[in-house]
Amino acid sequence: MVELVLRIGMAFLLPFLWLQPSSYFDTGEERCYWKVHYGIECPGCGLTRGTQRMLHGEWQTAMELNPLSGVVAGALLVVWALNGYELYRIIHGLPNLNTPTRRRLSAWFESILRS
């Protein structure tokens, strides 16, 4: 049951990021240890902001922030899709769900997989 709750939470992560503006992570204090203490950027600087921009289709800005943003955004999409598939399998394999709920969830997942 814990796995089901975690997978449902993961299923809502990507839509949550898409609903936020592309500049969602642009404000706030600097958190990179290397940049704060030594004034130099590490290979991960700009990765979160770049990935958010990549998910919103702002390719040029994302690549300027960090060239690895495309790799992270792609991996995030793959993990999200695999999580959805596993969630679908879990829901179909749970014997303790009542029949109407199971039918509704199954129909919802099948409609998502078809589109």
PDB file of N, CA and C in Angstrom:
ATOM      1  N   MET A   1       0.818  -1.190   0.000  1.00  0.00           N
ATOM      2  CA  MET A   1       0.000   0.000   0.000  1.00  0.00           C
ATOM      3  C   MET A   1       0.868   1.263   0.000  1.00  0.00           C
ATOM      4  N   VAL A   2       2.019   1.191   0.688  1.00  0.00           N
ATOM      5  CA  VAL A   2       2.934   2.331   0.704  1.00  0.00           C
ATOM      6  C   VAL A   2       3.455   2.601  -0.702  1.00  0.00           C
ATOM      7  N   GLU A   3       3.773   1.536  -1.430  1.00  0.00           N
ATOM      8  CA  GLU A   3       4.259   1.703  -2.799  1.00  0.00           C
ATOM      9  C   GLU A   3       3.207   2.383  -3.667  1.00  0.00           C
ATOM     10  N   LEU A   4       1.951   2.020  -3.479  1.00  0.00           N
ATOM     11  CA  LEU A   4       0.874   2.625  -4.243  1.00  0.00           C
ATOM     12  C   LEU A   4       0.781   4.127  -3.965  1.00  0.00           C
ATOM     13  N   VAL A   5       0.863   4.506  -2.707  1.00  0.00           N
ATOM     14  CA  VAL A   5       0.796   5.927  -2.339  1.00  0.00           C
ATOM     15  C   VAL A   5       1.979   6.693  -2.922  1.00  0.00           C
ATOM     16  N   LEU A   6       3.179   6.117  -2.835  1.00  0.00           N
ATOM     17  CA  LEU A   6       4.362   6.777  -3.397  1.00  0.00           C
ATOM     18  C   LEU A   6       4.261   6.917  -4.914  1.00  0.00           C
ATOM     19  N   ARG A   7       3.776   5.886  -5.577  1.00  0.00           N
ATOM     20  CA  ARG A   7       3.651   5.942  -7.034  1.00  0.00           C
ATOM     21  C   ARG A   7       2.585   6.954  -7.461  1.00  0.00           C
ATOM     22  N   ILE A   8       1.514   7.071  -6.714  1.00  0.00           N
ATOM     23  CA  ILE A   8       0.502   8.082  -7.024  1.00  0.00           C
ATOM     24  C   ILE A   8       1.103   9.473  -6.847  1.00  0.00           C
ATOM     25  N   GLY A   9       1.894   9.658  -5.791  1.00  0.00           N
ATOM     26  CA  GLY A   9       2.573  10.940  -5.591  1.00  0.00           C
ATOM     27  C   GLY A   9       3.516  11.261  -6.743  1.00  0.00           C
ATOM     28  N   MET A  10       4.255  10.267  -7.197  1.00  0.00           N
ATOM     29  CA  MET A  10       5.170  10.469  -8.326  1.00  0.00           C
ATOM     30  C   MET A  10       4.401  10.773  -9.606  1.00  0.00           C
ATOM     31  N   ALA A  11       3.218  10.193  -9.746  1.00  0.00           N
ATOM     32  CA  ALA A  11       2.416  10.435 -10.949  1.00  0.00           C
ATOM     33  C   ALA A  11       1.989  11.896 -11.044  1.00  0.00           C
ATOM     34  N   PHE A  12       1.836  12.552  -9.901  1.00  0.00           N
ATOM     35  CA  PHE A  12       1.411  13.953  -9.902  1.00  0.00           C
ATOM     36  C   PHE A  12       2.583  14.929  -9.922  1.00  0.00           C
ATOM     37  N   LEU A  13       3.811  14.441  -9.836  1.00  0.00           N
ATOM     38  CA  LEU A  13       4.981  15.328  -9.814  1.00  0.00           C
ATOM     39  C   LEU A  13       5.147  16.090 -11.127  1.00  0.00           C
ATOM     40  N   LEU A  14       5.157  15.400 -12.237  1.00  0.00           N
ATOM     41  CA  LEU A  14       5.377  16.063 -13.523  1.00  0.00           C
ATOM     42  C   LEU A  14       4.244  17.027 -13.885  1.00  0.00           C
ATOM     43  N   PRO A  15       2.980  16.632 -13.705  1.00  0.00           N
ATOM     44  CA  PRO A  15       1.916  17.629 -13.953  1.00  0.00           C
ATOM     45  C   PRO A  15       2.039  18.848 -13.042  1.00  0.00           C
ATOM     46  N   PHE A  16       2.477  18.646 -11.800  1.00  0.00           N
ATOM     47  CA  PHE A  16       2.683  19.782 -10.890  1.00  0.00           C
ATOM     48  C   PHE A  16       3.746  20.728 -11.442  1.00  0.00           C
ATOM     49  N   LEU A  17       4.850  20.166 -11.934  1.00  0.00           N
ATOM     50  CA  LEU A  17       5.907  21.009 -12.489  1.00  0.00           C
ATOM     51  C   LEU A  17       5.445  21.735 -13.740  1.00  0.00           C
ATOM     52  N   TRP A  18       4.618  21.079 -14.561  1.00  0.00           N
ATOM     53  CA  TRP A  18       4.098  21.728 -15.764  1.00  0.00           C
ATOM     54  C   TRP A  18       3.134  22.859 -15.422  1.00  0.00           C
ATOM     55  N   LEU A  19       2.409  22.714 -14.315  1.00  0.00           N
ATOM     56  CA  LEU A  19       1.460  23.758 -13.924  1.00  0.00           C
ATOM     57  C   LEU A  19       2.155  24.991 -13.352  1.00  0.00           C
ATOM     58  N   GLN A  20       3.370  24.822 -12.848  1.00  0.00           N
ATOM     59  CA  GLN A  20       4.122  25.957 -12.311  1.00  0.00           C
ATOM     60  C   GLN A  20       4.715  26.754 -13.471  1.00  0.00           C
ATOM     61  N   PRO A  21       4.912  28.056 -13.284  1.00  0.00           N
ATOM     62  CA  PRO A  21       5.540  28.835 -14.359  1.00  0.00           C
ATOM     63  C   PRO A  21       6.976  28.373 -14.588  1.00  0.00           C
ATOM     64  N   SER A  22       7.489  28.627 -15.777  1.00  0.00           N
ATOM     65  CA  SER A  22       8.848  28.176 -16.090  1.00  0.00           C
ATOM     66  C   SER A  22       9.889  28.874 -15.222  1.00  0.00           C
ATOM     67  N   SER A  23       9.549  30.011 -14.652  1.00  0.00           N
ATOM     68  CA  SER A  23      10.483  30.748 -13.793  1.00  0.00           C
ATOM     69  C   SER A  23      10.288  30.399 -12.316  1.00  0.00           C
ATOM     70  N   TYR A  24       9.617  29.301 -12.024  1.00  0.00           N
ATOM     71  CA  TYR A  24       9.282  28.913 -10.651  1.00  0.00           C
ATOM     72  C   TYR A  24      10.507  28.792  -9.743  1.00  0.00           C
ATOM     73  N   PHE A  25      11.601  28.271 -10.242  1.00  0.00           N
ATOM     74  CA  PHE A  25      12.799  28.052  -9.439  1.00  0.00           C
ATOM     75  C   PHE A  25      13.830  29.173  -9.569  1.00  0.00           C
ATOM     76  N   ASP A  26      13.474  30.264 -10.255  1.00  0.00           N
ATOM     77  CA  ASP A  26      14.437  31.345 -10.496  1.00  0.00           C
ATOM     78  C   ASP A  26      14.665  32.246  -9.293  1.00  0.00           C
ATOM     79  N   THR A  27      13.746  32.289  -8.355  1.00  0.00           N
ATOM     80  CA  THR A  27      13.887  33.178  -7.206  1.00  0.00           C
ATOM     81  C   THR A  27      14.380  32.394  -5.997  1.00  0.00           C
ATOM     82  N   GLY A  28      14.816  33.121  -4.998  1.00  0.00           N
ATOM     83  CA  GLY A  28      15.300  32.499  -3.767  1.00  0.00           C
ATOM     84  C   GLY A  28      16.798  32.637  -3.637  1.00  0.00           C
ATOM     85  N   GLU A  29      17.283  32.254  -2.493  1.00  0.00           N
ATOM     86  CA  GLU A  29      18.716  32.389  -2.246  1.00  0.00           C
ATOM     87  C   GLU A  29      19.513  31.289  -2.936  1.00  0.00           C
ATOM     88  N   GLU A  30      20.766  31.576  -3.184  1.00  0.00           N
ATOM     89  CA  GLU A  30      21.668  30.624  -3.828  1.00  0.00           C
ATOM     90  C   GLU A  30      21.961  29.477  -2.868  1.00  0.00           C
ATOM     91  N   ARG A  31      21.836  28.239  -3.339  1.00  0.00           N
ATOM     92  CA  ARG A  31      22.031  27.079  -2.468  1.00  0.00           C
ATOM     93  C   ARG A  31      23.249  26.232  -2.826  1.00  0.00           C
ATOM     94  N   CYS A  32      23.873  26.520  -3.942  1.00  0.00           N
ATOM     95  CA  CYS A  32      25.020  25.723  -4.355  1.00  0.00           C
ATOM     96  C   CYS A  32      26.217  26.014  -3.430  1.00  0.00           C
ATOM     97  N   TYR A  33      26.726  24.969  -2.823  1.00  0.00           N
ATOM     98  CA  TYR A  33      27.853  25.107  -1.887  1.00  0.00           C
ATOM     99  C   TYR A  33      29.058  25.748  -2.569  1.00  0.00           C
ATOM    100  N   TRP A  34      29.378  25.292  -3.761  1.00  0.00           N
ATOM    101  CA  TRP A  34      30.560  25.789  -4.470  1.00  0.00           C
ATOM    102  C   TRP A  34      30.411  27.259  -4.837  1.00  0.00           C
ATOM    103  N   LYS A  35      29.220  27.626  -5.285  1.00  0.00           N
ATOM    104  CA  LYS A  35      29.000  29.007  -5.687  1.00  0.00           C
ATOM    105  C   LYS A  35      28.983  29.944  -4.487  1.00  0.00           C
ATOM    106  N   VAL A  36      28.389  29.514  -3.383  1.00  0.00           N
ATOM    107  CA  VAL A  36      28.302  30.346  -2.177  1.00  0.00           C
ATOM    108  C   VAL A  36      29.676  30.521  -1.542  1.00  0.00           C
ATOM    109  N   HIS A  37      30.429  29.431  -1.402  1.00  0.00           N
ATOM    110  CA  HIS A  37      31.693  29.485  -0.656  1.00  0.00           C
ATOM    111  C   HIS A  37      32.915  29.828  -1.508  1.00  0.00           C
ATOM    112  N   TYR A  38      32.897  29.421  -2.778  1.00  0.00           N
ATOM    113  CA  TYR A  38      34.085  29.616  -3.599  1.00  0.00           C
ATOM    114  C   TYR A  38      33.859  30.518  -4.815  1.00  0.00           C
ATOM    115  N   GLY A  39      32.606  30.851  -5.110  1.00  0.00           N
ATOM    116  CA  GLY A  39      32.304  31.731  -6.224  1.00  0.00           C
ATOM    117  C   GLY A  39      32.424  31.088  -7.595  1.00  0.00           C
ATOM    118  N   ILE A  40      32.479  29.757  -7.651  1.00  0.00           N
ATOM    119  CA  ILE A  40      32.553  29.065  -8.948  1.00  0.00           C
ATOM    120  C   ILE A  40      31.331  28.164  -9.107  1.00  0.00           C
ATOM    121  N   GLU A  41      30.950  27.947 -10.338  1.00  0.00           N
ATOM    122  CA  GLU A  41      29.804  27.093 -10.602  1.00  0.00           C
ATOM    123  C   GLU A  41      30.228  25.632 -10.721  1.00  0.00           C
ATOM    124  N   CYS A  42      29.434  24.763 -10.125  1.00  0.00           N
ATOM    125  CA  CYS A  42      29.689  23.322 -10.244  1.00  0.00           C
ATOM    126  C   CYS A  42      28.932  22.804 -11.469  1.00  0.00           C
ATOM    127  N   PRO A  43      29.139  21.549 -11.885  1.00  0.00           N
ATOM    128  CA  PRO A  43      28.432  21.022 -13.062  1.00  0.00           C
ATOM    129  C   PRO A  43      26.913  20.971 -12.891  1.00  0.00           C
ATOM    130  N   GLY A  44      26.448  21.035 -11.659  1.00  0.00           N
ATOM    131  CA  GLY A  44      25.001  20.970 -11.427  1.00  0.00           C
ATOM    132  C   GLY A  44      24.327  22.318 -11.327  1.00  0.00           C
ATOM    133  N   CYS A  45      25.100  23.402 -11.356  1.00  0.00           N
ATOM    134  CA  CYS A  45      24.495  24.736 -11.248  1.00  0.00           C
ATOM    135  C   CYS A  45      23.561  24.994 -12.431  1.00  0.00           C
ATOM    136  N   GLY A  46      22.353  25.413 -12.128  1.00  0.00           N
ATOM    137  CA  GLY A  46      21.367  25.718 -13.160  1.00  0.00           C
ATOM    138  C   GLY A  46      20.593  24.513 -13.651  1.00  0.00           C
ATOM    139  N   LEU A  47      20.856  23.345 -13.086  1.00  0.00           N
ATOM    140  CA  LEU A  47      20.207  22.129 -13.580  1.00  0.00           C
ATOM    141  C   LEU A  47      18.715  22.111 -13.267  1.00  0.00           C
ATOM    142  N   THR A  48      18.327  22.505 -12.070  1.00  0.00           N
ATOM    143  CA  THR A  48      16.914  22.526 -11.714  1.00  0.00           C
ATOM    144  C   THR A  48      16.168  23.557 -12.545  1.00  0.00           C
ATOM    145  N   ARG A  49      16.722  24.761 -12.637  1.00  0.00           N
ATOM    146  CA  ARG A  49      16.081  25.813 -13.434  1.00  0.00           C
ATOM    147  C   ARG A  49      16.039  25.425 -14.907  1.00  0.00           C
ATOM    148  N   GLY A  50      17.118  24.827 -15.398  1.00  0.00           N
ATOM    149  CA  GLY A  50      17.167  24.408 -16.796  1.00  0.00           C
ATOM    150  C   GLY A  50      16.182  23.294 -17.105  1.00  0.00           C
ATOM    151  N   THR A  51      16.050  22.359 -16.189  1.00  0.00           N
ATOM    152  CA  THR A  51      15.106  21.259 -16.392  1.00  0.00           C
ATOM    153  C   THR A  51      13.676  21.791 -16.407  1.00  0.00           C
ATOM    154  N   GLN A  52      13.361  22.726 -15.519  1.00  0.00           N
ATOM    155  CA  GLN A  52      12.027  23.326 -15.504  1.00  0.00           C
ATOM    156  C   GLN A  52      11.753  24.056 -16.822  1.00  0.00           C
ATOM    157  N   ARG A  53      12.758  24.769 -17.318  1.00  0.00           N
ATOM    158  CA  ARG A  53      12.597  25.471 -18.608  1.00  0.00           C
ATOM    159  C   ARG A  53      12.447  24.460 -19.751  1.00  0.00           C
ATOM    160  N   MET A  54      13.190  23.367 -19.688  1.00  0.00           N
ATOM    161  CA  MET A  54      13.113  22.338 -20.726  1.00  0.00           C
ATOM    162  C   MET A  54      11.711  21.719 -20.753  1.00  0.00           C
ATOM    163  N   LEU A  55      11.134  21.456 -19.590  1.00  0.00           N
ATOM    164  CA  LEU A  55       9.792  20.882 -19.527  1.00  0.00           C
ATOM    165  C   LEU A  55       8.741  21.834 -20.087  1.00  0.00           C
ATOM    166  N   HIS A  56       9.030  23.123 -20.085  1.00  0.00           N
ATOM    167  CA  HIS A  56       8.106  24.113 -20.632  1.00  0.00           C
ATOM    168  C   HIS A  56       8.424  24.457 -22.090  1.00  0.00           C
ATOM    169  N   GLY A  57       9.392  23.778 -22.684  1.00  0.00           N
ATOM    170  CA  GLY A  57       9.703  23.977 -24.085  1.00  0.00           C
ATOM    171  C   GLY A  57      10.621  25.145 -24.379  1.00  0.00           C
ATOM    172  N   GLU A  58      11.242  25.695 -23.363  1.00  0.00           N
ATOM    173  CA  GLU A  58      12.183  26.802 -23.556  1.00  0.00           C
ATOM    174  C   GLU A  58      13.589  26.228 -23.705  1.00  0.00           C
ATOM    175  N   TRP A  59      13.834  25.587 -24.850  1.00  0.00           N
ATOM    176  CA  TRP A  59      15.065  24.827 -25.086  1.00  0.00           C
ATOM    177  C   TRP A  59      16.315  25.696 -24.997  1.00  0.00           C
ATOM    178  N   GLN A  60      16.291  26.845 -25.644  1.00  0.00           N
ATOM    179  CA  GLN A  60      17.473  27.705 -25.693  1.00  0.00           C
ATOM    180  C   GLN A  60      17.875  28.164 -24.291  1.00  0.00           C
ATOM    181  N   THR A  61      16.907  28.641 -23.518  1.00  0.00           N
ATOM    182  CA  THR A  61      17.196  29.095 -22.157  1.00  0.00           C
ATOM    183  C   THR A  61      17.695  27.939 -21.298  1.00  0.00           C
ATOM    184  N   ALA A  62      17.085  26.770 -21.465  1.00  0.00           N
ATOM    185  CA  ALA A  62      17.488  25.602 -20.680  1.00  0.00           C
ATOM    186  C   ALA A  62      18.934  25.223 -20.974  1.00  0.00           C
ATOM    187  N   MET A  63      19.319  25.249 -22.242  1.00  0.00           N
ATOM    188  CA  MET A  63      20.692  24.884 -22.603  1.00  0.00           C
ATOM    189  C   MET A  63      21.691  25.932 -22.122  1.00  0.00           C
ATOM    190  N   GLU A  64      21.276  27.190 -22.049  1.00  0.00           N
ATOM    191  CA  GLU A  64      22.149  28.224 -21.516  1.00  0.00           C
ATOM    192  C   GLU A  64      22.344  28.062 -20.012  1.00  0.00           C
ATOM    193  N   LEU A  65      21.297  27.632 -19.304  1.00  0.00           N
ATOM    194  CA  LEU A  65      21.408  27.443 -17.863  1.00  0.00           C
ATOM    195  C   LEU A  65      22.295  26.245 -17.530  1.00  0.00           C
ATOM    196  N   ASN A  66      22.075  25.126 -18.222  1.00  0.00           N
ATOM    197  CA  ASN A  66      22.904  23.937 -18.023  1.00  0.00           C
ATOM    198  C   ASN A  66      22.663  22.990 -19.193  1.00  0.00           C
ATOM    199  N   PRO A  67      23.701  22.617 -19.924  1.00  0.00           N
ATOM    200  CA  PRO A  67      23.532  21.725 -21.078  1.00  0.00           C
ATOM    201  C   PRO A  67      22.989  20.339 -20.731  1.00  0.00           C
ATOM    202  N   LEU A  68      23.090  19.943 -19.473  1.00  0.00           N
ATOM    203  CA  LEU A  68      22.581  18.624 -19.070  1.00  0.00           C
ATOM    204  C   LEU A  68      21.082  18.635 -18.788  1.00  0.00           C
ATOM    205  N   SER A  69      20.432  19.781 -18.930  1.00  0.00           N
ATOM    206  CA  SER A  69      18.999  19.885 -18.651  1.00  0.00           C
ATOM    207  C   SER A  69      18.177  18.945 -19.525  1.00  0.00           C
ATOM    208  N   GLY A  70      18.574  18.783 -20.780  1.00  0.00           N
ATOM    209  CA  GLY A  70      17.852  17.887 -21.677  1.00  0.00           C
ATOM    210  C   GLY A  70      17.928  16.443 -21.232  1.00  0.00           C
ATOM    211  N   VAL A  71      19.085  16.040 -20.730  1.00  0.00           N
ATOM    212  CA  VAL A  71      19.258  14.667 -20.248  1.00  0.00           C
ATOM    213  C   VAL A  71      18.375  14.428 -19.025  1.00  0.00           C
ATOM    214  N   VAL A  72      18.382  15.387 -18.099  1.00  0.00           N
ATOM    215  CA  VAL A  72      17.584  15.239 -16.878  1.00  0.00           C
ATOM    216  C   VAL A  72      16.093  15.264 -17.202  1.00  0.00           C
ATOM    217  N   ALA A  73      15.662  16.171 -18.077  1.00  0.00           N
ATOM    218  CA  ALA A  73      14.251  16.237 -18.452  1.00  0.00           C
ATOM    219  C   ALA A  73      13.816  14.948 -19.150  1.00  0.00           C
ATOM    220  N   GLY A  74      14.655  14.414 -20.018  1.00  0.00           N
ATOM    221  CA  GLY A  74      14.345  13.150 -20.681  1.00  0.00           C
ATOM    222  C   GLY A  74      14.251  11.997 -19.701  1.00  0.00           C
ATOM    223  N   ALA A  75      15.197  11.943 -18.765  1.00  0.00           N
ATOM    224  CA  ALA A  75      15.162  10.881 -17.745  1.00  0.00           C
ATOM    225  C   ALA A  75      13.923  11.019 -16.872  1.00  0.00           C
ATOM    226  N   LEU A  76      13.557  12.249 -16.548  1.00  0.00           N
ATOM    227  CA  LEU A  76      12.365  12.487 -15.742  1.00  0.00           C
ATOM    228  C   LEU A  76      11.112  12.001 -16.464  1.00  0.00           C
ATOM    229  N   LEU A  77      11.028  12.249 -17.751  1.00  0.00           N
ATOM    230  CA  LEU A  77       9.884  11.786 -18.537  1.00  0.00           C
ATOM    231  C   LEU A  77       9.825  10.258 -18.609  1.00  0.00           C
ATOM    232  N   VAL A  78      10.988   9.626 -18.777  1.00  0.00           N
ATOM    233  CA  VAL A  78      11.031   8.156 -18.836  1.00  0.00           C
ATOM    234  C   VAL A  78      10.623   7.554 -17.497  1.00  0.00           C
ATOM    235  N   VAL A  79      11.163   8.087 -16.407  1.00  0.00           N
ATOM    236  CA  VAL A  79      10.821   7.576 -15.073  1.00  0.00           C
ATOM    237  C   VAL A  79       9.331   7.775 -14.803  1.00  0.00           C
ATOM    238  N   TRP A  80       8.799   8.933 -15.214  1.00  0.00           N
ATOM    239  CA  TRP A  80       7.387   9.212 -15.013  1.00  0.00           C
ATOM    240  C   TRP A  80       6.516   8.225 -15.787  1.00  0.00           C
ATOM    241  N   ALA A  81       6.890   7.928 -17.039  1.00  0.00           N
ATOM    242  CA  ALA A  81       6.127   6.980 -17.857  1.00  0.00           C
ATOM    243  C   ALA A  81       6.201   5.568 -17.278  1.00  0.00           C
ATOM    244  N   LEU A  82       7.388   5.151 -16.856  1.00  0.00           N
ATOM    245  CA  LEU A  82       7.534   3.819 -16.249  1.00  0.00           C
ATOM    246  C   LEU A  82       6.755   3.720 -14.945  1.00  0.00           C
ATOM    247  N   ASN A  83       6.745   4.801 -14.169  1.00  0.00           N
ATOM    248  CA  ASN A  83       5.973   4.823 -12.936  1.00  0.00           C
ATOM    249  C   ASN A  83       4.485   4.664 -13.236  1.00  0.00           C
ATOM    250  N   GLY A  84       4.008   5.343 -14.281  1.00  0.00           N
ATOM    251  CA  GLY A  84       2.602   5.212 -14.661  1.00  0.00           C
ATOM    252  C   GLY A  84       2.252   3.793 -15.059  1.00  0.00           C
ATOM    253  N   TYR A  85       3.163   3.163 -15.777  1.00  0.00           N
ATOM    254  CA  TYR A  85       2.938   1.770 -16.165  1.00  0.00           C
ATOM    255  C   TYR A  85       2.888   0.855 -14.943  1.00  0.00           C
ATOM    256  N   GLU A  86       3.824   1.044 -14.013  1.00  0.00           N
ATOM    257  CA  GLU A  86       3.840   0.220 -12.800  1.00  0.00           C
ATOM    258  C   GLU A  86       2.616   0.482 -11.941  1.00  0.00           C
ATOM    259  N   LEU A  87       2.186   1.732 -11.884  1.00  0.00           N
ATOM    260  CA  LEU A  87       0.980   2.071 -11.136  1.00  0.00           C
ATOM    261  C   LEU A  87      -0.232   1.369 -11.735  1.00  0.00           C
ATOM    262  N   TYR A  88      -0.283   1.350 -13.046  1.00  0.00           N
ATOM    263  CA  TYR A  88      -1.349   0.635 -13.744  1.00  0.00           C
ATOM    264  C   TYR A  88      -1.335  -0.857 -13.380  1.00  0.00           C
ATOM    265  N   ARG A  89      -0.154  -1.441 -13.377  1.00  0.00           N
ATOM    266  CA  ARG A  89      -0.042  -2.870 -13.030  1.00  0.00           C
ATOM    267  C   ARG A  89      -0.427  -3.134 -11.588  1.00  0.00           C
ATOM    268  N   ILE A  90      -0.031  -2.237 -10.683  1.00  0.00           N
ATOM    269  CA  ILE A  90      -0.364  -2.418  -9.266  1.00  0.00           C
ATOM    270  C   ILE A  90      -1.869  -2.369  -9.064  1.00  0.00           C
ATOM    271  N   ILE A  91      -2.515  -1.391  -9.700  1.00  0.00           N
ATOM    272  CA  ILE A  91      -3.957  -1.253  -9.518  1.00  0.00           C
ATOM    273  C   ILE A  91      -4.695  -2.455 -10.078  1.00  0.00           C
ATOM    274  N   HIS A  92      -4.236  -2.993 -11.185  1.00  0.00           N
ATOM    275  CA  HIS A  92      -4.881  -4.184 -11.731  1.00  0.00           C
ATOM    276  C   HIS A  92      -4.596  -5.417 -10.894  1.00  0.00           C
ATOM    277  N   GLY A  93      -3.533  -5.402 -10.113  1.00  0.00           N
ATOM    278  CA  GLY A  93      -3.182  -6.577  -9.328  1.00  0.00           C
ATOM    279  C   GLY A  93      -3.661  -6.545  -7.891  1.00  0.00           C
ATOM    280  N   LEU A  94      -4.270  -5.450  -7.456  1.00  0.00           N
ATOM    281  CA  LEU A  94      -4.721  -5.368  -6.075  1.00  0.00           C
ATOM    282  C   LEU A  94      -6.071  -6.050  -5.906  1.00  0.00           C
ATOM    283  N   PRO A  95      -6.114  -7.144  -5.166  1.00  0.00           N
ATOM    284  CA  PRO A  95      -7.382  -7.852  -5.005  1.00  0.00           C
ATOM    285  C   PRO A  95      -8.322  -7.180  -4.010  1.00  0.00           C
ATOM    286  N   ASN A  96      -7.807  -6.309  -3.120  1.00  0.00           N
ATOM    287  CA  ASN A  96      -8.658  -5.759  -2.079  1.00  0.00           C
ATOM    288  C   ASN A  96      -9.375  -4.469  -2.478  1.00  0.00           C
ATOM    289  N   LEU A  97      -9.192  -4.000  -3.707  1.00  0.00           N
ATOM    290  CA  LEU A  97      -9.964  -2.851  -4.176  1.00  0.00           C
ATOM    291  C   LEU A  97     -11.358  -3.323  -4.555  1.00  0.00           C
ATOM    292  N   ASN A  98     -12.366  -2.526  -4.206  1.00  0.00           N
ATOM    293  CA  ASN A  98     -13.712  -2.939  -4.595  1.00  0.00           C
ATOM    294  C   ASN A  98     -13.881  -2.819  -6.102  1.00  0.00           C
ATOM    295  N   THR A  99     -14.810  -3.533  -6.646  1.00  0.00           N
ATOM    296  CA  THR A  99     -14.959  -3.647  -8.089  1.00  0.00           C
ATOM    297  C   THR A  99     -15.260  -2.322  -8.786  1.00  0.00           C
ATOM    298  N   PRO A 100     -16.181  -1.483  -8.306  1.00  0.00           N
ATOM    299  CA  PRO A 100     -16.435  -0.221  -9.010  1.00  0.00           C
ATOM    300  C   PRO A 100     -15.206   0.691  -9.059  1.00  0.00           C
ATOM    301  N   THR A 101     -14.473   0.773  -7.965  1.00  0.00           N
ATOM    302  CA  THR A 101     -13.270   1.606  -7.939  1.00  0.00           C
ATOM    303  C   THR A 101     -12.235   1.067  -8.897  1.00  0.00           C
ATOM    304  N   ARG A 102     -12.046  -0.224  -8.886  1.00  0.00           N
ATOM    305  CA  ARG A 102     -11.065  -0.843  -9.777  1.00  0.00           C
ATOM    306  C   ARG A 102     -11.438  -0.611 -11.241  1.00  0.00           C
ATOM    307  N   ARG A 103     -12.727  -0.715 -11.559  1.00  0.00           N
ATOM    308  CA  ARG A 103     -13.164  -0.478 -12.936  1.00  0.00           C
ATOM    309  C   ARG A 103     -12.925   0.963 -13.351  1.00  0.00           C
ATOM    310  N   ARG A 104     -13.228   1.915 -12.471  1.00  0.00           N
ATOM    311  CA  ARG A 104     -13.016   3.326 -12.801  1.00  0.00           C
ATOM    312  C   ARG A 104     -11.537   3.623 -13.006  1.00  0.00           C
ATOM    313  N   LEU A 105     -10.695   3.135 -12.097  1.00  0.00           N
ATOM    314  CA  LEU A 105      -9.254   3.370 -12.219  1.00  0.00           C
ATOM    315  C   LEU A 105      -8.694   2.698 -13.460  1.00  0.00           C
ATOM    316  N   SER A 106      -9.142   1.494 -13.744  1.00  0.00           N
ATOM    317  CA  SER A 106      -8.667   0.784 -14.935  1.00  0.00           C
ATOM    318  C   SER A 106      -9.065   1.523 -16.204  1.00  0.00           C
ATOM    319  N   ALA A 107     -10.307   1.989 -16.254  1.00  0.00           N
ATOM    320  CA  ALA A 107     -10.763   2.725 -17.436  1.00  0.00           C
ATOM    321  C   ALA A 107      -9.974   4.013 -17.601  1.00  0.00           C
ATOM    322  N   TRP A 108      -9.697   4.694 -16.487  1.00  0.00           N
ATOM    323  CA  TRP A 108      -8.933   5.946 -16.549  1.00  0.00           C
ATOM    324  C   TRP A 108      -7.524   5.698 -17.078  1.00  0.00           C
ATOM    325  N   PHE A 109      -6.837   4.667 -16.541  1.00  0.00           N
ATOM    326  CA  PHE A 109      -5.485   4.365 -16.992  1.00  0.00           C
ATOM    327  C   PHE A 109      -5.468   3.912 -18.446  1.00  0.00           C
ATOM    328  N   GLU A 110      -6.443   3.113 -18.852  1.00  0.00           N
ATOM    329  CA  GLU A 110      -6.499   2.666 -20.236  1.00  0.00           C
ATOM    330  C   GLU A 110      -6.718   3.837 -21.189  1.00  0.00           C
ATOM    331  N   SER A 111      -7.538   4.807 -20.779  1.00  0.00           N
ATOM    332  CA  SER A 111      -7.745   5.977 -21.638  1.00  0.00           C
ATOM    333  C   SER A 111      -6.470   6.807 -21.752  1.00  0.00           C
ATOM    334  N   ILE A 112      -5.707   6.875 -20.681  1.00  0.00           N
ATOM    335  CA  ILE A 112      -4.433   7.603 -20.721  1.00  0.00           C
ATOM    336  C   ILE A 112      -3.432   6.887 -21.624  1.00  0.00           C
ATOM    337  N   LEU A 113      -3.367   5.562 -21.507  1.00  0.00           N
ATOM    338  CA  LEU A 113      -2.420   4.797 -22.307  1.00  0.00           C
ATOM    339  C   LEU A 113      -2.776   4.825 -23.792  1.00  0.00           C
ATOM    340  N   ARG A 114      -4.059   4.927 -24.108  1.00  0.00           N
ATOM    341  CA  ARG A 114      -4.485   4.971 -25.508  1.00  0.00           C
ATOM    342  C   ARG A 114      -4.153   6.313 -26.160  1.00  0.00           C
ATOM    343  N   SER A 115      -4.186   7.377 -25.372  1.00  0.00           N
ATOM    344  CA  SER A 115      -3.958   8.718 -25.963  1.00  0.00           C
ATOM    345  C   SER A 115      -2.501   9.082 -26.055  1.00  0.00           C
TER     346      SER A 115
END
